[in-house]
PDB file of all heavy atoms in Angstrom:
ATOM      1  N   SER A   1      -1.744 -12.372  -1.867  1.00  0.00           N
ATOM      2  CA  SER A   1      -2.072 -11.462  -0.937  1.00  0.00           C
ATOM      3  C   SER A   1      -3.480 -11.904  -0.122  1.00  0.00           C
ATOM      4  O   SER A   1      -4.451 -12.070  -0.859  1.00  0.00           O
ATOM      5  CB  SER A   1      -2.376 -10.065  -1.509  1.00  0.00           C
ATOM      6  OG  SER A   1      -1.024  -9.561  -2.063  1.00  0.00           O
ATOM      7  N   SER A   2      -3.423 -11.792   1.140  1.00  0.00           N
ATOM      8  CA  SER A   2      -4.568 -11.955   1.934  1.00  0.00           C
ATOM      9  C   SER A   2      -5.525 -10.870   1.837  1.00  0.00           C
ATOM     10  O   SER A   2      -5.147  -9.734   1.424  1.00  0.00           O
ATOM     11  CB  SER A   2      -4.248 -12.339   3.464  1.00  0.00           C
ATOM     12  OG  SER A   2      -3.629 -11.104   3.840  1.00  0.00           O
ATOM     13  N   ILE A   3      -6.790 -10.899   2.287  1.00  0.00           N
ATOM     14  CA  ILE A   3      -7.653  -9.928   2.456  1.00  0.00           C
ATOM     15  C   ILE A   3      -7.034  -8.718   3.328  1.00  0.00           C
ATOM     16  O   ILE A   3      -7.104  -7.527   2.941  1.00  0.00           O
ATOM     17  CB  ILE A   3      -9.016 -10.184   2.898  1.00  0.00           C
ATOM     18  CG1 ILE A   3      -9.763 -11.009   1.836  1.00  0.00           C
ATOM     19  CG2 ILE A   3      -9.827  -9.019   3.418  1.00  0.00           C
ATOM     20  CD1 ILE A   3     -11.026 -11.646   2.256  1.00  0.00           C
ATOM     21  N   THR A   4      -6.352  -9.101   4.418  1.00  0.00           N
ATOM     22  CA  THR A   4      -5.728  -8.170   5.210  1.00  0.00           C
ATOM     23  C   THR A   4      -4.708  -7.359   4.408  1.00  0.00           C
ATOM     24  O   THR A   4      -4.589  -6.095   4.617  1.00  0.00           O
ATOM     25  CB  THR A   4      -5.075  -8.897   6.447  1.00  0.00           C
ATOM     26  OG1 THR A   4      -6.034  -9.793   7.105  1.00  0.00           O
ATOM     27  CG2 THR A   4      -4.653  -7.808   7.378  1.00  0.00           C
ATOM     28  N   GLN A   5      -3.811  -8.046   3.657  1.00  0.00           N
ATOM     29  CA  GLN A   5      -2.923  -7.350   2.870  1.00  0.00           C
ATOM     30  C   GLN A   5      -3.450  -6.494   1.842  1.00  0.00           C
ATOM     31  O   GLN A   5      -2.962  -5.308   1.631  1.00  0.00           O
ATOM     32  CB  GLN A   5      -1.942  -8.359   2.186  1.00  0.00           C
ATOM     33  CG  GLN A   5      -1.004  -9.076   3.133  1.00  0.00           C
ATOM     34  CD  GLN A   5      -0.225 -10.196   2.532  1.00  0.00           C
ATOM     35  OE1 GLN A   5      -0.691 -11.346   2.496  1.00  0.00           O
ATOM     36  NE2 GLN A   5       0.962  -9.919   2.016  1.00  0.00           N
ATOM     37  N   GLN A   6      -4.527  -6.885   1.253  1.00  0.00           N
ATOM     38  CA  GLN A   6      -5.276  -5.959   0.211  1.00  0.00           C
ATOM     39  C   GLN A   6      -5.873  -4.762   0.859  1.00  0.00           C
ATOM     40  O   GLN A   6      -5.968  -3.657   0.328  1.00  0.00           O
ATOM     41  CB  GLN A   6      -6.320  -6.865  -0.395  1.00  0.00           C
ATOM     42  CG  GLN A   6      -5.863  -7.961  -1.293  1.00  0.00           C
ATOM     43  CD  GLN A   6      -6.890  -8.760  -2.051  1.00  0.00           C
ATOM     44  OE1 GLN A   6      -7.648  -8.245  -2.756  1.00  0.00           O
ATOM     45  NE2 GLN A   6      -6.893 -10.067  -1.838  1.00  0.00           N
ATOM     46  N   TYR A   7      -6.407  -5.021   2.130  1.00  0.00           N
ATOM     47  CA  TYR A   7      -6.951  -3.900   2.895  1.00  0.00           C
ATOM     48  C   TYR A   7      -5.806  -2.840   3.176  1.00  0.00           C
ATOM     49  O   TYR A   7      -6.025  -1.685   2.961  1.00  0.00           O
ATOM     50  CB  TYR A   7      -7.451  -4.372   4.242  1.00  0.00           C
ATOM     51  CG  TYR A   7      -7.840  -3.259   5.234  1.00  0.00           C
ATOM     52  CD1 TYR A   7      -8.894  -2.279   4.948  1.00  0.00           C
ATOM     53  CD2 TYR A   7      -7.142  -3.256   6.427  1.00  0.00           C
ATOM     54  CE1 TYR A   7      -9.108  -1.239   5.741  1.00  0.00           C
ATOM     55  CE2 TYR A   7      -7.427  -2.238   7.273  1.00  0.00           C
ATOM     56  CZ  TYR A   7      -8.395  -1.278   6.981  1.00  0.00           C
ATOM     57  OH  TYR A   7      -8.749  -0.232   7.956  1.00  0.00           O
ATOM     58  N   VAL A   8      -4.684  -3.380   3.479  1.00  0.00           N
ATOM     59  CA  VAL A   8      -3.533  -2.451   3.808  1.00  0.00           C
ATOM     60  C   VAL A   8      -3.209  -1.644   2.555  1.00  0.00           C
ATOM     61  O   VAL A   8      -3.030  -0.470   2.449  1.00  0.00           O
ATOM     62  CB  VAL A   8      -2.240  -3.275   4.333  1.00  0.00           C
ATOM     63  CG1 VAL A   8      -1.095  -2.495   4.168  1.00  0.00           C
ATOM     64  CG2 VAL A   8      -2.547  -3.744   5.645  1.00  0.00           C
ATOM     65  N   LYS A   9      -2.988  -2.378   1.408  1.00  0.00           N
ATOM     66  CA  LYS A   9      -2.768  -1.788   0.145  1.00  0.00           C
ATOM     67  C   LYS A   9      -3.791  -0.643  -0.186  1.00  0.00           C
ATOM     68  O   LYS A   9      -3.398   0.501  -0.595  1.00  0.00           O
ATOM     69  CB  LYS A   9      -2.607  -2.713  -1.008  1.00  0.00           C
ATOM     70  CG  LYS A   9      -2.369  -2.197  -2.340  1.00  0.00           C
ATOM     71  CD  LYS A   9      -2.548  -3.131  -3.539  1.00  0.00           C
ATOM     72  CE  LYS A   9      -2.354  -2.532  -4.831  1.00  0.00           C
ATOM     73  NZ  LYS A   9      -2.371  -3.531  -5.977  1.00  0.00           N
ATOM     74  N   ASN A  10      -5.100  -0.926  -0.194  1.00  0.00           N
ATOM     75  CA  ASN A  10      -6.108  -0.028  -0.519  1.00  0.00           C
ATOM     76  C   ASN A  10      -6.225   1.185   0.462  1.00  0.00           C
ATOM     77  O   ASN A  10      -6.352   2.319   0.062  1.00  0.00           O
ATOM     78  CB  ASN A  10      -7.550  -0.662  -0.534  1.00  0.00           C
ATOM     79  CG  ASN A  10      -7.638  -1.678  -1.788  1.00  0.00           C
ATOM     80  OD1 ASN A  10      -7.051  -1.295  -2.772  1.00  0.00           O
ATOM     81  ND2 ASN A  10      -8.360  -2.729  -1.635  1.00  0.00           N
ATOM     82  N   ALA A  11      -5.834   0.835   1.765  1.00  0.00           N
ATOM     83  CA  ALA A  11      -5.899   1.969   2.749  1.00  0.00           C
ATOM     84  C   ALA A  11      -4.663   2.861   2.512  1.00  0.00           C
ATOM     85  O   ALA A  11      -4.776   4.147   2.583  1.00  0.00           O
ATOM     86  CB  ALA A  11      -5.717   1.376   4.183  1.00  0.00           C
ATOM     87  N   LEU A  12      -3.459   2.366   2.178  1.00  0.00           N
ATOM     88  CA  LEU A  12      -2.370   3.241   1.882  1.00  0.00           C
ATOM     89  C   LEU A  12      -2.560   4.088   0.500  1.00  0.00           C
ATOM     90  O   LEU A  12      -2.228   5.268   0.534  1.00  0.00           O
ATOM     91  CB  LEU A  12      -1.075   2.361   1.705  1.00  0.00           C
ATOM     92  CG  LEU A  12      -0.691   1.727   3.108  1.00  0.00           C
ATOM     93  CD1 LEU A  12       0.559   0.808   2.806  1.00  0.00           C
ATOM     94  CD2 LEU A  12      -0.173   2.726   4.172  1.00  0.00           C
ATOM     95  N   LEU A  13      -3.234   3.494  -0.344  1.00  0.00           N
ATOM     96  CA  LEU A  13      -3.496   4.130  -1.657  1.00  0.00           C
ATOM     97  C   LEU A  13      -4.504   5.200  -1.350  1.00  0.00           C
ATOM     98  O   LEU A  13      -4.458   6.297  -1.944  1.00  0.00           O
ATOM     99  CB  LEU A  13      -4.083   3.014  -2.656  1.00  0.00           C
ATOM    100  CG  LEU A  13      -4.408   3.488  -4.017  1.00  0.00           C
ATOM    101  CD1 LEU A  13      -3.243   4.219  -4.713  1.00  0.00           C
ATOM    102  CD2 LEU A  13      -4.957   2.455  -4.790  1.00  0.00           C
ATOM    103  N   GLU A  14      -5.477   4.931  -0.666  1.00  0.00           N
ATOM    104  CA  GLU A  14      -6.507   5.960  -0.425  1.00  0.00           C
ATOM    105  C   GLU A  14      -5.969   7.185   0.444  1.00  0.00           C
ATOM    106  O   GLU A  14      -6.405   8.191   0.198  1.00  0.00           O
ATOM    107  CB  GLU A  14      -7.786   5.324   0.481  1.00  0.00           C
ATOM    108  CG  GLU A  14      -8.804   6.244   0.854  1.00  0.00           C
ATOM    109  CD  GLU A  14      -9.573   6.738  -0.311  1.00  0.00           C
ATOM    110  OE1 GLU A  14      -9.338   6.365  -1.419  1.00  0.00           O
ATOM    111  OE2 GLU A  14     -10.461   7.577  -0.077  1.00  0.00           O
ATOM    112  N   GLU A  15      -5.091   6.731   1.271  1.00  0.00           N
ATOM    113  CA  GLU A  15      -4.476   7.873   2.038  1.00  0.00           C
ATOM    114  C   GLU A  15      -3.549   8.804   1.176  1.00  0.00           C
ATOM    115  O   GLU A  15      -3.652  10.036   1.385  1.00  0.00           O
ATOM    116  CB  GLU A  15      -3.453   7.154   3.061  1.00  0.00           C
ATOM    117  CG  GLU A  15      -2.797   8.124   4.066  1.00  0.00           C
ATOM    118  CD  GLU A  15      -1.913   7.491   5.117  1.00  0.00           C
ATOM    119  OE1 GLU A  15      -1.040   6.705   4.655  1.00  0.00           O
ATOM    120  OE2 GLU A  15      -2.164   7.574   6.266  1.00  0.00           O
ATOM    121  N   GLY A  16      -2.927   8.251   0.128  1.00  0.00           N
ATOM    122  CA  GLY A  16      -2.167   9.022  -0.893  1.00  0.00           C
ATOM    123  C   GLY A  16      -3.036   9.790  -1.760  1.00  0.00           C
ATOM    124  O   GLY A  16      -2.862  11.049  -1.996  1.00  0.00           O
ATOM    125  N   ARG A  17      -4.351   9.236  -2.097  1.00  0.00           N
ATOM    126  CA  ARG A  17      -5.388   9.986  -2.876  1.00  0.00           C
ATOM    127  C   ARG A  17      -5.925  11.155  -2.097  1.00  0.00           C
ATOM    128  O   ARG A  17      -6.013  12.234  -2.709  1.00  0.00           O
ATOM    129  CB  ARG A  17      -6.411   9.079  -3.390  1.00  0.00           C
ATOM    130  CG  ARG A  17      -6.075   8.097  -4.418  1.00  0.00           C
ATOM    131  CD  ARG A  17      -7.078   7.083  -4.582  1.00  0.00           C
ATOM    132  NE  ARG A  17      -6.859   6.308  -5.823  1.00  0.00           N
ATOM    133  CZ  ARG A  17      -7.546   4.946  -5.890  1.00  0.00           C
ATOM    134  NH1 ARG A  17      -8.329   4.670  -4.884  1.00  0.00           N
ATOM    135  NH2 ARG A  17      -7.198   4.229  -6.839  1.00  0.00           N
ATOM    136  N   ILE A  18      -6.239  10.953  -0.863  1.00  0.00           N
ATOM    137  CA  ILE A  18      -6.794  12.008  -0.114  1.00  0.00           C
ATOM    138  C   ILE A  18      -5.874  13.116   0.092  1.00  0.00           C
ATOM    139  O   ILE A  18      -6.307  14.363   0.036  1.00  0.00           O
ATOM    140  CB  ILE A  18      -7.374  11.475   1.237  1.00  0.00           C
ATOM    141  CG1 ILE A  18      -8.589  10.587   1.074  1.00  0.00           C
ATOM    142  CG2 ILE A  18      -7.748  12.691   2.233  1.00  0.00           C
ATOM    143  CD1 ILE A  18      -9.160   9.912   2.232  1.00  0.00           C
ATOM    144  N   ALA A  19      -4.620  12.789   0.357  1.00  0.00           N
ATOM    145  CA  ALA A  19      -3.581  13.862   0.620  1.00  0.00           C
ATOM    146  C   ALA A  19      -3.060  14.454  -0.885  1.00  0.00           C
ATOM    147  O   ALA A  19      -2.277  15.250  -0.773  1.00  0.00           O
ATOM    148  CB  ALA A  19      -2.457  13.168   1.276  1.00  0.00           C
ATOM    149  N   ASP A  20      -3.545  13.782  -1.981  1.00  0.00           N
ATOM    150  CA  ASP A  20      -3.073  14.185  -3.167  1.00  0.00           C
ATOM    151  C   ASP A  20      -1.485  14.002  -3.411  1.00  0.00           C
ATOM    152  O   ASP A  20      -0.820  14.937  -3.760  1.00  0.00           O
ATOM    153  CB  ASP A  20      -3.504  15.621  -3.449  1.00  0.00           C
ATOM    154  CG  ASP A  20      -3.283  15.932  -5.037  1.00  0.00           C
ATOM    155  OD1 ASP A  20      -3.335  15.077  -5.828  1.00  0.00           O
ATOM    156  OD2 ASP A  20      -3.203  17.168  -5.324  1.00  0.00           O
ATOM    157  N   ASP A  21      -1.009  12.903  -2.815  1.00  0.00           N
ATOM    158  CA  ASP A  21       0.432  12.674  -2.637  1.00  0.00           C
ATOM    159  C   ASP A  21       0.720  11.603  -3.612  1.00  0.00           C
ATOM    160  O   ASP A  21       0.628  10.421  -3.361  1.00  0.00           O
ATOM    161  CB  ASP A  21       0.692  12.247  -1.242  1.00  0.00           C
ATOM    162  CG  ASP A  21       2.311  12.223  -0.921  1.00  0.00           C
ATOM    163  OD1 ASP A  21       2.965  11.813  -1.901  1.00  0.00           O
ATOM    164  OD2 ASP A  21       2.726  12.492   0.184  1.00  0.00           O
ATOM    165  N   ASN A  22       1.395  12.075  -4.789  1.00  0.00           N
ATOM    166  CA  ASN A  22       1.722  11.151  -5.809  1.00  0.00           C
ATOM    167  C   ASN A  22       2.693  10.000  -5.364  1.00  0.00           C
ATOM    168  O   ASN A  22       2.768   8.946  -5.896  1.00  0.00           O
ATOM    169  CB  ASN A  22       2.030  11.784  -7.109  1.00  0.00           C
ATOM    170  CG  ASN A  22       1.039  12.512  -7.762  1.00  0.00           C
ATOM    171  OD1 ASN A  22      -0.022  12.118  -7.657  1.00  0.00           O
ATOM    172  ND2 ASN A  22       1.335  13.588  -8.336  1.00  0.00           N
ATOM    173  N   GLU A  23       3.599  10.451  -4.457  1.00  0.00           N
ATOM    174  CA  GLU A  23       4.670   9.580  -3.984  1.00  0.00           C
ATOM    175  C   GLU A  23       4.047   8.533  -3.079  1.00  0.00           C
ATOM    176  O   GLU A  23       4.515   7.307  -3.290  1.00  0.00           O
ATOM    177  CB  GLU A  23       5.711  10.346  -3.074  1.00  0.00           C
ATOM    178  CG  GLU A  23       6.905   9.511  -2.711  1.00  0.00           C
ATOM    179  CD  GLU A  23       7.687   9.055  -3.940  1.00  0.00           C
ATOM    180  OE1 GLU A  23       7.758   9.665  -4.991  1.00  0.00           O
ATOM    181  OE2 GLU A  23       8.284   7.937  -3.730  1.00  0.00           O
ATOM    182  N   LYS A  24       3.142   8.764  -2.315  1.00  0.00           N
ATOM    183  CA  LYS A  24       2.433   7.686  -1.562  1.00  0.00           C
ATOM    184  C   LYS A  24       1.658   6.816  -2.384  1.00  0.00           C
ATOM    185  O   LYS A  24       1.721   5.570  -2.170  1.00  0.00           O
ATOM    186  CB  LYS A  24       1.484   8.390  -0.482  1.00  0.00           C
ATOM    187  CG  LYS A  24       2.037   8.911   0.686  1.00  0.00           C
ATOM    188  CD  LYS A  24       1.166   9.436   1.727  1.00  0.00           C
ATOM    189  CE  LYS A  24       1.712   9.808   3.049  1.00  0.00           C
ATOM    190  NZ  LYS A  24       0.794  10.318   3.985  1.00  0.00           N
ATOM    191  N   ILE A  25       1.070   7.429  -3.457  1.00  0.00           N
ATOM    192  CA  ILE A  25       0.237   6.598  -4.262  1.00  0.00           C
ATOM    193  C   ILE A  25       1.242   5.581  -5.122  1.00  0.00           C
ATOM    194  O   ILE A  25       0.853   4.397  -5.248  1.00  0.00           O
ATOM    195  CB  ILE A  25      -0.478   7.385  -5.370  1.00  0.00           C
ATOM    196  CG1 ILE A  25      -1.587   8.214  -4.663  1.00  0.00           C
ATOM    197  CG2 ILE A  25      -1.112   6.618  -6.648  1.00  0.00           C
ATOM    198  CD1 ILE A  25      -2.257   9.294  -5.546  1.00  0.00           C
ATOM    199  N   LYS A  26       2.271   6.113  -5.489  1.00  0.00           N
ATOM    200  CA  LYS A  26       3.368   5.300  -6.227  1.00  0.00           C
ATOM    201  C   LYS A  26       3.980   4.133  -5.430  1.00  0.00           C
ATOM    202  O   LYS A  26       3.962   2.991  -5.787  1.00  0.00           O
ATOM    203  CB  LYS A  26       4.507   6.150  -6.664  1.00  0.00           C
ATOM    204  CG  LYS A  26       5.601   5.441  -7.398  1.00  0.00           C
ATOM    205  CD  LYS A  26       6.676   6.361  -7.839  1.00  0.00           C
ATOM    206  CE  LYS A  26       7.845   5.614  -8.463  1.00  0.00           C
ATOM    207  NZ  LYS A  26       9.146   6.429  -8.839  1.00  0.00           N
ATOM    208  N   ARG A  27       4.169   4.423  -4.171  1.00  0.00           N
ATOM    209  CA  ARG A  27       4.622   3.363  -3.134  1.00  0.00           C
ATOM    210  C   ARG A  27       3.556   2.374  -2.917  1.00  0.00           C
ATOM    211  O   ARG A  27       3.927   1.176  -2.685  1.00  0.00           O
ATOM    212  CB  ARG A  27       5.065   4.055  -1.877  1.00  0.00           C
ATOM    213  CG  ARG A  27       6.503   4.812  -1.876  1.00  0.00           C
ATOM    214  CD  ARG A  27       7.007   5.037  -0.478  1.00  0.00           C
ATOM    215  NE  ARG A  27       6.040   5.717   0.371  1.00  0.00           N
ATOM    216  CZ  ARG A  27       5.994   6.948   0.593  1.00  0.00           C
ATOM    217  NH1 ARG A  27       6.839   7.788  -0.123  1.00  0.00           N
ATOM    218  NH2 ARG A  27       5.171   7.418   1.369  1.00  0.00           N
ATOM    219  N   ALA A  28       2.327   2.723  -2.908  1.00  0.00           N
ATOM    220  CA  ALA A  28       1.281   1.785  -2.630  1.00  0.00           C
ATOM    221  C   ALA A  28       1.001   0.829  -3.816  1.00  0.00           C
ATOM    222  O   ALA A  28       0.242  -0.201  -3.526  1.00  0.00           O
ATOM    223  CB  ALA A  28       0.012   2.446  -2.195  1.00  0.00           C
ATOM    224  N   THR A  29       1.343   1.193  -4.972  1.00  0.00           N
ATOM    225  CA  THR A  29       1.063   0.415  -6.193  1.00  0.00           C
ATOM    226  C   THR A  29       2.138  -0.151  -6.957  1.00  0.00           C
ATOM    227  O   THR A  29       1.952  -0.917  -7.814  1.00  0.00           O
ATOM    228  CB  THR A  29       0.189   1.389  -7.156  1.00  0.00           C
ATOM    229  OG1 THR A  29       0.882   2.605  -7.448  1.00  0.00           O
ATOM    230  CG2 THR A  29      -1.208   1.743  -6.533  1.00  0.00           C
ATOM    231  N   GLU A  30       3.397   0.178  -6.674  1.00  0.00           N
ATOM    232  CA  GLU A  30       4.546  -0.239  -7.435  1.00  0.00           C
ATOM    233  C   GLU A  30       4.714  -1.731  -7.211  1.00  0.00           C
ATOM    234  O   GLU A  30       4.453  -2.392  -6.193  1.00  0.00           O
ATOM    235  CB  GLU A  30       5.887   0.492  -6.862  1.00  0.00           C
ATOM    236  CG  GLU A  30       6.243   0.167  -5.378  1.00  0.00           C
ATOM    237  CD  GLU A  30       7.370   1.095  -4.951  1.00  0.00           C
ATOM    238  OE1 GLU A  30       7.874   1.851  -5.799  1.00  0.00           O
ATOM    239  OE2 GLU A  30       7.719   0.898  -3.777  1.00  0.00           O
ATOM    240  N   GLN A  31       5.122  -2.302  -8.387  1.00  0.00           N
ATOM    241  CA  GLN A  31       5.260  -3.730  -8.405  1.00  0.00           C
ATOM    242  C   GLN A  31       6.691  -4.241  -8.060  1.00  0.00           C
ATOM    243  O   GLN A  31       7.530  -4.523  -8.828  1.00  0.00           O
ATOM    244  CB  GLN A  31       4.950  -4.377  -9.820  1.00  0.00           C
ATOM    245  CG  GLN A  31       3.581  -4.127 -10.279  1.00  0.00           C
ATOM    246  CD  GLN A  31       2.534  -4.920  -9.349  1.00  0.00           C
ATOM    247  OE1 GLN A  31       2.775  -6.156  -9.224  1.00  0.00           O
ATOM    248  NE2 GLN A  31       1.566  -4.242  -8.882  1.00  0.00           N
ATOM    249  N   THR A  32       6.969  -4.261  -6.618  1.00  0.00           N
ATOM    250  CA  THR A  32       8.269  -4.436  -6.153  1.00  0.00           C
ATOM    251  C   THR A  32       8.094  -5.478  -4.938  1.00  0.00           C
ATOM    252  O   THR A  32       7.041  -5.504  -4.316  1.00  0.00           O
ATOM    253  CB  THR A  32       9.012  -3.166  -5.642  1.00  0.00           C
ATOM    254  OG1 THR A  32       8.289  -2.660  -4.575  1.00  0.00           O
ATOM    255  CG2 THR A  32       9.116  -2.182  -6.729  1.00  0.00           C
ATOM    256  N   ILE A  33       9.300  -6.165  -4.641  1.00  0.00           N
ATOM    257  CA  ILE A  33       9.217  -6.980  -3.419  1.00  0.00           C
ATOM    258  C   ILE A  33       9.142  -6.170  -2.170  1.00  0.00           C
ATOM    259  O   ILE A  33       8.516  -6.632  -1.186  1.00  0.00           O
ATOM    260  CB  ILE A  33      10.566  -7.934  -3.425  1.00  0.00           C
ATOM    261  CG1 ILE A  33      10.433  -8.972  -4.543  1.00  0.00           C
ATOM    262  CG2 ILE A  33      10.775  -8.566  -2.139  1.00  0.00           C
ATOM    263  CD1 ILE A  33      11.631  -9.796  -4.781  1.00  0.00           C
ATOM    264  N   ALA A  34       9.647  -4.978  -2.284  1.00  0.00           N
ATOM    265  CA  ALA A  34       9.683  -4.111  -1.073  1.00  0.00           C
ATOM    266  C   ALA A  34       8.257  -3.771  -0.676  1.00  0.00           C
ATOM    267  O   ALA A  34       7.865  -3.716   0.481  1.00  0.00           O
ATOM    268  CB  ALA A  34      10.521  -2.747  -1.375  1.00  0.00           C
ATOM    269  N   ARG A  35       7.416  -3.486  -1.711  1.00  0.00           N
ATOM    270  CA  ARG A  35       6.048  -3.160  -1.404  1.00  0.00           C
ATOM    271  C   ARG A  35       5.266  -4.283  -0.821  1.00  0.00           C
ATOM    272  O   ARG A  35       4.471  -4.149   0.155  1.00  0.00           O
ATOM    273  CB  ARG A  35       5.298  -2.748  -2.734  1.00  0.00           C
ATOM    274  CG  ARG A  35       4.006  -2.075  -2.499  1.00  0.00           C
ATOM    275  CD  ARG A  35       2.959  -2.112  -3.504  1.00  0.00           C
ATOM    276  NE  ARG A  35       2.291  -3.445  -3.431  1.00  0.00           N
ATOM    277  CZ  ARG A  35       1.763  -4.075  -4.357  1.00  0.00           C
ATOM    278  NH1 ARG A  35       1.835  -3.715  -5.681  1.00  0.00           N
ATOM    279  NH2 ARG A  35       1.022  -5.349  -4.175  1.00  0.00           N
ATOM    280  N   LYS A  36       5.559  -5.668  -1.319  1.00  0.00           N
ATOM    281  CA  LYS A  36       4.913  -6.703  -0.724  1.00  0.00           C
ATOM    282  C   LYS A  36       5.413  -6.915   0.594  1.00  0.00           C
ATOM    283  O   LYS A  36       4.589  -7.280   1.566  1.00  0.00           O
ATOM    284  CB  LYS A  36       5.271  -7.914  -1.589  1.00  0.00           C
ATOM    285  CG  LYS A  36       4.820  -8.033  -2.995  1.00  0.00           C
ATOM    286  CD  LYS A  36       3.233  -8.416  -2.864  1.00  0.00           C
ATOM    287  CE  LYS A  36       2.673  -8.683  -4.227  1.00  0.00           C
ATOM    288  NZ  LYS A  36       1.210  -8.998  -4.331  1.00  0.00           N
ATOM    289  N   ILE A  37       6.721  -6.658   0.976  1.00  0.00           N
ATOM    290  CA  ILE A  37       7.100  -6.923   2.345  1.00  0.00           C
ATOM    291  C   ILE A  37       6.453  -5.890   3.222  1.00  0.00           C
ATOM    292  O   ILE A  37       5.951  -6.227   4.376  1.00  0.00           O
ATOM    293  CB  ILE A  37       8.533  -6.753   2.418  1.00  0.00           C
ATOM    294  CG1 ILE A  37       9.280  -8.071   1.661  1.00  0.00           C
ATOM    295  CG2 ILE A  37       9.229  -6.675   3.900  1.00  0.00           C
ATOM    296  CD1 ILE A  37      10.834  -7.946   1.554  1.00  0.00           C
ATOM    297  N   ASN A  38       6.392  -4.570   2.873  1.00  0.00           N
ATOM    298  CA  ASN A  38       5.749  -3.641   3.670  1.00  0.00           C
ATOM    299  C   ASN A  38       4.210  -3.942   3.954  1.00  0.00           C
ATOM    300  O   ASN A  38       3.803  -3.800   5.123  1.00  0.00           O
ATOM    301  CB  ASN A  38       5.845  -2.300   2.972  1.00  0.00           C
ATOM    302  CG  ASN A  38       5.657  -1.160   3.804  1.00  0.00           C
ATOM    303  OD1 ASN A  38       6.087  -0.956   5.041  1.00  0.00           O
ATOM    304  ND2 ASN A  38       4.702  -0.131   3.402  1.00  0.00           N
ATOM    305  N   GLU A  39       3.466  -4.414   2.829  1.00  0.00           N
ATOM    306  CA  GLU A  39       2.181  -4.874   3.036  1.00  0.00           C
ATOM    307  C   GLU A  39       2.084  -6.036   4.088  1.00  0.00           C
ATOM    308  O   GLU A  39       1.160  -5.945   4.863  1.00  0.00           O
ATOM    309  CB  GLU A  39       1.617  -5.296   1.694  1.00  0.00           C
ATOM    310  CG  GLU A  39       0.994  -4.166   0.838  1.00  0.00           C
ATOM    311  CD  GLU A  39       0.628  -4.683  -0.491  1.00  0.00           C
ATOM    312  OE1 GLU A  39       0.284  -6.023  -0.626  1.00  0.00           O
ATOM    313  OE2 GLU A  39       0.406  -3.916  -1.403  1.00  0.00           O
ATOM    314  N   ALA A  40       2.966  -6.982   3.974  1.00  0.00           N
ATOM    315  CA  ALA A  40       2.940  -8.031   4.946  1.00  0.00           C
ATOM    316  C   ALA A  40       3.128  -7.613   6.357  1.00  0.00           C
ATOM    317  O   ALA A  40       2.575  -8.037   7.387  1.00  0.00           O
ATOM    318  CB  ALA A  40       3.876  -9.018   4.561  1.00  0.00           C
ATOM    319  N   ARG A  41       4.187  -6.589   6.462  1.00  0.00           N
ATOM    320  CA  ARG A  41       4.392  -6.016   7.859  1.00  0.00           C
ATOM    321  C   ARG A  41       3.395  -5.260   8.429  1.00  0.00           C
ATOM    322  O   ARG A  41       2.954  -5.537   9.560  1.00  0.00           O
ATOM    323  CB  ARG A  41       5.675  -5.021   7.534  1.00  0.00           C
ATOM    324  CG  ARG A  41       6.130  -4.174   8.715  1.00  0.00           C
ATOM    325  CD  ARG A  41       7.410  -3.512   8.385  1.00  0.00           C
ATOM    326  NE  ARG A  41       7.698  -2.579   9.420  1.00  0.00           N
ATOM    327  CZ  ARG A  41       7.421  -1.257   9.273  1.00  0.00           C
ATOM    328  NH1 ARG A  41       6.682  -0.726   8.282  1.00  0.00           N
ATOM    329  NH2 ARG A  41       7.868  -0.495  10.223  1.00  0.00           N
ATOM    330  N   TYR A  42       2.568  -4.463   7.615  1.00  0.00           N
ATOM    331  CA  TYR A  42       1.383  -3.811   8.137  1.00  0.00           C
ATOM    332  C   TYR A  42       0.244  -4.824   8.401  1.00  0.00           C
ATOM    333  O   TYR A  42      -0.471  -4.641   9.360  1.00  0.00           O
ATOM    334  CB  TYR A  42       0.839  -2.839   7.001  1.00  0.00           C
ATOM    335  CG  TYR A  42       1.418  -1.353   7.269  1.00  0.00           C
ATOM    336  CD1 TYR A  42       2.702  -1.009   6.616  1.00  0.00           C
ATOM    337  CD2 TYR A  42       0.895  -0.530   8.002  1.00  0.00           C
ATOM    338  CE1 TYR A  42       3.217   0.228   6.724  1.00  0.00           C
ATOM    339  CE2 TYR A  42       1.395   0.904   8.167  1.00  0.00           C
ATOM    340  CZ  TYR A  42       2.574   1.150   7.512  1.00  0.00           C
ATOM    341  OH  TYR A  42       3.090   2.554   7.727  1.00  0.00           O
ATOM    342  N   ALA A  43       0.187  -5.830   7.602  1.00  0.00           N
ATOM    343  CA  ALA A  43      -0.843  -6.807   7.855  1.00  0.00           C
ATOM    344  C   ALA A  43      -0.852  -7.429   9.188  1.00  0.00           C
ATOM    345  O   ALA A  43      -1.735  -7.730   9.838  1.00  0.00           O
ATOM    346  CB  ALA A  43      -0.849  -7.838   6.661  1.00  0.00           C
ATOM    347  N   ILE A  44       0.349  -7.762   9.618  1.00  0.00           N
ATOM    348  CA  ILE A  44       0.662  -8.335  10.972  1.00  0.00           C
ATOM    349  C   ILE A  44       0.171  -7.351  11.920  1.00  0.00           C
ATOM    350  O   ILE A  44      -0.562  -7.811  12.939  1.00  0.00           O
ATOM    351  CB  ILE A  44       2.135  -8.644  11.046  1.00  0.00           C
ATOM    352  CG1 ILE A  44       2.530  -9.792  10.132  1.00  0.00           C
ATOM    353  CG2 ILE A  44       2.460  -9.102  12.495  1.00  0.00           C
ATOM    354  CD1 ILE A  44       4.061  -9.930  10.051  1.00  0.00           C
TER     355      ILE A  44
END
């Protein structure tokens, strides 16, 4: 993961924490290829 991808992951995770949304937190941290692809998409 590039710094940009890590920034995306942390930003999505923080968004879930602030909103107290467990589903967002789960999506931001799950160990899946789908999450990696989504991070790459946002990084672009």
